[in-house]
N, C-alpha and C. Protein backbone atom coordinates (compact mmCIF):
# COMPACT_ATOMS: atom_id res chain seq x y z
N MET A 1 -38.37 39.29 -56.67
CA MET A 1 -39.58 38.85 -57.02
C MET A 1 -39.03 38.10 -58.68
N GLN A 2 -38.22 38.62 -58.82
CA GLN A 2 -37.30 38.35 -60.63
C GLN A 2 -36.55 36.65 -60.69
N LYS A 3 -36.22 36.65 -58.63
CA LYS A 3 -35.87 35.07 -58.21
C LYS A 3 -36.26 34.17 -57.86
N PHE A 4 -37.75 34.97 -57.89
CA PHE A 4 -38.61 33.59 -57.84
C PHE A 4 -39.05 32.56 -59.39
N LYS A 5 -39.48 34.25 -60.15
CA LYS A 5 -39.56 34.13 -61.50
C LYS A 5 -38.56 33.30 -62.50
N LEU A 6 -37.16 33.09 -62.81
CA LEU A 6 -36.29 32.30 -63.05
C LEU A 6 -36.08 30.96 -62.61
N SER A 7 -36.70 31.09 -60.95
CA SER A 7 -37.39 29.39 -60.41
C SER A 7 -37.92 28.74 -60.45
N LYS A 8 -39.26 29.74 -61.21
CA LYS A 8 -40.24 28.38 -61.64
C LYS A 8 -39.71 28.29 -63.36
N ARG A 9 -39.21 29.10 -63.88
CA ARG A 9 -38.88 28.32 -65.40
C ARG A 9 -37.35 27.15 -65.61
N LYS A 10 -37.14 27.04 -64.57
CA LYS A 10 -36.40 26.41 -63.75
C LYS A 10 -36.75 24.73 -63.95
N ILE A 11 -37.45 25.63 -62.92
CA ILE A 11 -38.06 23.94 -63.33
C ILE A 11 -39.20 23.88 -63.72
N HIS A 12 -39.52 24.59 -64.75
CA HIS A 12 -40.33 23.85 -65.51
C HIS A 12 -39.39 23.56 -66.70
N ARG A 13 -38.54 23.70 -67.01
CA ARG A 13 -37.36 23.14 -68.32
C ARG A 13 -36.95 21.88 -68.29
N LYS A 14 -36.25 21.90 -66.65
CA LYS A 14 -36.03 20.17 -65.81
C LYS A 14 -36.96 19.38 -66.36
N VAL A 15 -38.03 19.52 -65.37
CA VAL A 15 -39.27 19.08 -65.52
C VAL A 15 -39.77 18.58 -67.67
N ALA A 16 -39.48 19.67 -68.17
CA ALA A 16 -40.10 18.98 -69.41
C ALA A 16 -38.99 18.60 -70.14
N ALA A 17 -37.87 18.90 -69.35
CA ALA A 17 -36.21 17.42 -70.09
C ALA A 17 -36.25 16.52 -69.97
N ILE A 18 -36.45 16.28 -68.12
CA ILE A 18 -36.80 14.64 -67.81
C ILE A 18 -38.00 13.89 -67.90
N SER A 19 -39.58 14.42 -69.07
CA SER A 19 -40.50 14.09 -69.03
C SER A 19 -40.30 13.62 -71.01
N SER A 20 -39.53 14.68 -71.51
CA SER A 20 -40.06 14.24 -72.70
C SER A 20 -39.60 13.00 -73.42
N ILE A 21 -38.69 12.43 -72.90
CA ILE A 21 -38.38 10.98 -73.51
C ILE A 21 -39.55 9.91 -73.36
N PRO A 22 -39.96 9.84 -71.47
CA PRO A 22 -40.97 9.60 -71.70
C PRO A 22 -42.26 9.54 -72.20
N LEU A 23 -42.48 11.15 -72.40
CA LEU A 23 -43.82 11.11 -73.18
C LEU A 23 -43.95 10.51 -74.38
N LEU A 24 -42.63 11.45 -75.11
CA LEU A 24 -42.36 10.66 -76.77
C LEU A 24 -43.00 9.08 -77.33
N ILE A 25 -42.43 8.38 -76.09
CA ILE A 25 -42.23 7.09 -76.04
C ILE A 25 -43.41 6.62 -75.82
N THR A 26 -44.49 7.36 -75.08
CA THR A 26 -45.41 6.59 -74.41
C THR A 26 -46.54 7.13 -75.93
N LEU A 27 -46.44 8.22 -76.69
CA LEU A 27 -47.29 8.51 -77.98
C LEU A 27 -46.77 8.52 -78.80
N ILE A 28 -45.94 7.69 -78.74
CA ILE A 28 -45.62 7.37 -80.53
C ILE A 28 -46.16 5.44 -80.20
N SER A 29 -45.65 4.99 -79.35
CA SER A 29 -46.13 3.70 -79.34
C SER A 29 -47.75 3.02 -78.68
N GLY A 30 -48.53 3.94 -78.55
CA GLY A 30 -49.31 3.69 -78.86
C GLY A 30 -50.05 4.41 -80.12
N THR A 31 -49.69 5.33 -80.09
CA THR A 31 -50.32 6.10 -81.76
C THR A 31 -49.85 4.62 -83.13
N SER A 32 -48.98 4.27 -82.96
CA SER A 32 -48.35 3.06 -83.91
C SER A 32 -48.67 1.55 -83.86
N TYR A 33 -49.82 1.65 -82.10
CA TYR A 33 -50.40 0.11 -82.00
C TYR A 33 -51.46 0.36 -82.63
N SER A 34 -52.14 1.75 -82.76
CA SER A 34 -53.64 2.32 -82.56
C SER A 34 -53.81 1.43 -84.45
N PHE A 35 -52.75 2.33 -85.11
CA PHE A 35 -52.25 2.29 -86.34
C PHE A 35 -52.35 1.14 -86.56
N LEU A 36 -51.16 -0.09 -86.30
CA LEU A 36 -50.88 -1.22 -86.60
C LEU A 36 -52.15 -2.19 -86.25
N GLN A 37 -52.91 -2.33 -85.38
CA GLN A 37 -53.73 -3.23 -85.18
C GLN A 37 -54.81 -3.39 -85.83
N PRO A 38 -55.92 -2.72 -86.43
CA PRO A 38 -56.57 -2.78 -87.83
C PRO A 38 -55.81 -3.54 -88.81
N LEU A 39 -55.05 -3.11 -88.77
CA LEU A 39 -53.98 -4.03 -90.71
C LEU A 39 -53.48 -5.26 -89.84
N GLY A 40 -53.70 -4.98 -89.03
CA GLY A 40 -53.81 -7.25 -88.32
C GLY A 40 -52.56 -7.81 -87.80
N VAL A 41 -51.24 -6.52 -87.09
CA VAL A 41 -50.47 -6.90 -86.97
C VAL A 41 -50.69 -6.37 -85.63
N ASP A 42 -49.24 -7.63 -85.05
CA ASP A 42 -49.78 -7.70 -83.76
C ASP A 42 -48.28 -7.72 -82.95
N ALA A 43 -48.01 -6.33 -82.39
CA ALA A 43 -47.33 -5.95 -82.50
C ALA A 43 -47.18 -5.47 -80.71
N PHE A 44 -47.52 -6.71 -79.86
CA PHE A 44 -48.09 -6.24 -78.38
C PHE A 44 -47.17 -5.83 -77.62
N TRP A 45 -45.31 -5.91 -78.21
CA TRP A 45 -44.82 -5.40 -77.51
C TRP A 45 -44.33 -3.74 -77.32
N LEU A 46 -45.03 -3.16 -78.08
CA LEU A 46 -45.94 -2.23 -78.52
C LEU A 46 -46.83 -1.23 -77.30
N ILE A 47 -47.80 -1.92 -77.58
CA ILE A 47 -48.00 -1.83 -75.40
C ILE A 47 -47.48 -2.16 -73.97
N LYS A 48 -46.06 -2.79 -74.36
CA LYS A 48 -44.96 -2.99 -73.12
C LYS A 48 -44.44 -1.91 -73.34
N TRP A 49 -43.84 -1.06 -74.11
CA TRP A 49 -43.12 0.45 -74.27
C TRP A 49 -44.40 0.81 -73.68
N HIS A 50 -45.23 1.41 -74.29
CA HIS A 50 -46.57 2.01 -73.41
C HIS A 50 -46.54 2.60 -72.31
N THR A 51 -46.92 1.08 -71.64
CA THR A 51 -47.27 0.85 -70.47
C THR A 51 -46.06 0.71 -69.44
N GLY A 52 -44.74 1.11 -70.31
CA GLY A 52 -43.12 0.97 -69.44
C GLY A 52 -42.33 -0.59 -68.57
N ASN A 53 -43.14 -1.28 -69.81
CA ASN A 53 -41.83 -2.47 -69.54
C ASN A 53 -40.60 -2.37 -70.76
N PHE A 54 -39.79 -2.01 -70.72
CA PHE A 54 -38.63 -1.81 -71.85
C PHE A 54 -37.84 -3.51 -71.88
N GLY A 55 -38.57 -4.59 -71.60
CA GLY A 55 -37.77 -5.83 -71.54
C GLY A 55 -37.31 -5.96 -69.93
N ILE A 56 -35.44 -5.70 -69.78
CA ILE A 56 -34.82 -5.59 -69.03
C ILE A 56 -34.68 -4.68 -67.93
N ILE A 57 -35.52 -3.64 -68.17
CA ILE A 57 -35.84 -2.20 -67.15
C ILE A 57 -37.38 -2.45 -67.17
N ASN A 58 -38.17 -3.08 -65.75
CA ASN A 58 -38.95 -2.73 -65.58
C ASN A 58 -40.15 -1.84 -64.79
N LEU A 59 -40.84 -0.52 -65.72
CA LEU A 59 -40.65 0.52 -65.17
C LEU A 59 -42.73 0.99 -64.79
N GLN A 60 -42.98 -0.30 -65.13
CA GLN A 60 -44.40 -0.34 -64.86
C GLN A 60 -45.08 0.25 -63.85
N PRO A 61 -44.57 -0.34 -62.18
CA PRO A 61 -45.53 0.24 -61.31
C PRO A 61 -45.69 1.87 -60.89
N PHE A 62 -44.72 2.65 -61.65
CA PHE A 62 -44.31 3.84 -61.20
C PHE A 62 -44.78 4.93 -62.73
N TYR A 63 -44.67 4.38 -63.47
CA TYR A 63 -43.93 4.82 -65.08
C TYR A 63 -44.91 5.83 -65.23
N SER A 64 -46.69 5.61 -65.28
CA SER A 64 -47.76 5.64 -65.59
C SER A 64 -48.04 7.29 -64.30
N ILE A 65 -47.72 7.46 -63.39
CA ILE A 65 -47.65 8.32 -61.68
C ILE A 65 -46.86 9.25 -62.97
N PHE A 66 -45.36 8.74 -62.92
CA PHE A 66 -44.19 9.81 -63.14
C PHE A 66 -44.70 10.35 -64.32
N LEU A 67 -45.14 9.93 -65.85
CA LEU A 67 -45.94 10.44 -66.63
C LEU A 67 -46.99 11.21 -66.08
N GLY A 68 -48.08 11.59 -65.80
CA GLY A 68 -49.44 11.79 -64.84
C GLY A 68 -49.05 13.24 -64.30
N ILE A 69 -47.90 12.66 -62.71
CA ILE A 69 -46.83 13.98 -62.39
C ILE A 69 -45.19 14.90 -62.83
N ALA A 70 -45.57 14.63 -64.38
CA ALA A 70 -44.32 15.14 -64.65
C ALA A 70 -45.09 16.09 -65.52
N SER A 71 -46.47 15.94 -66.38
CA SER A 71 -47.45 16.49 -67.00
C SER A 71 -48.08 17.36 -66.43
N ILE A 72 -48.45 16.83 -65.17
CA ILE A 72 -49.09 18.06 -63.73
C ILE A 72 -48.51 19.29 -63.91
N ILE A 73 -46.94 19.48 -63.47
CA ILE A 73 -45.96 20.32 -62.86
C ILE A 73 -46.21 20.62 -64.32
N SER A 74 -45.55 20.12 -65.01
CA SER A 74 -45.26 21.13 -66.85
C SER A 74 -46.23 22.15 -67.39
N VAL A 75 -47.46 21.26 -67.12
CA VAL A 75 -48.99 22.01 -67.36
C VAL A 75 -48.92 23.45 -66.00
N ILE A 76 -49.23 22.97 -65.37
CA ILE A 76 -48.78 24.19 -64.30
C ILE A 76 -47.63 25.15 -64.57
N SER A 77 -46.71 24.86 -63.97
CA SER A 77 -45.59 25.99 -63.84
C SER A 77 -45.89 26.86 -65.21
N GLY A 78 -45.96 25.51 -66.72
CA GLY A 78 -46.48 26.26 -67.77
C GLY A 78 -46.85 27.81 -68.27
N ILE A 79 -48.39 27.26 -67.52
CA ILE A 79 -49.98 28.08 -67.46
C ILE A 79 -49.28 29.81 -66.57
N ARG A 80 -48.03 29.31 -65.22
CA ARG A 80 -48.40 30.50 -64.64
C ARG A 80 -46.87 31.20 -65.44
N LEU A 81 -46.00 30.42 -65.84
CA LEU A 81 -44.77 31.63 -66.80
C LEU A 81 -46.04 32.15 -67.70
N LEU A 82 -46.32 31.47 -68.20
CA LEU A 82 -47.70 32.68 -69.30
C LEU A 82 -48.37 33.51 -69.16
N GLN A 83 -48.81 33.44 -67.45
CA GLN A 83 -49.32 34.45 -66.57
C GLN A 83 -48.38 35.22 -66.74
N LYS A 84 -49.79 36.98 -66.98
CA LYS A 84 -48.18 37.99 -66.04
C LYS A 84 -48.84 38.63 -65.63
N ASN A 85 -47.59 39.78 -64.61
CA ASN A 85 -46.75 39.83 -63.61
C ASN A 85 -48.30 41.20 -63.14
N SER A 86 -48.58 40.86 -61.78
CA SER A 86 -50.34 41.56 -61.08
C SER A 86 -49.25 42.67 -60.82
């Protein structure tokens, strides 16, 4: 049982580490755009970053799918880690 618990921790850590940077970019770009738009600043490039278009690297076709799946895995594995062993 201890080995299985260790495996869940490893999965949670790896998924959280891999998805943290894209989630942070999405959070910062969306929030910044929301603050700048009422001020009359047209920063459309923030929306491109928010959706995964980074200029030369365009990840839009699967960026939101990746973020969604990574978030679901992180939440589920985090909840399972918090549950007490019965």
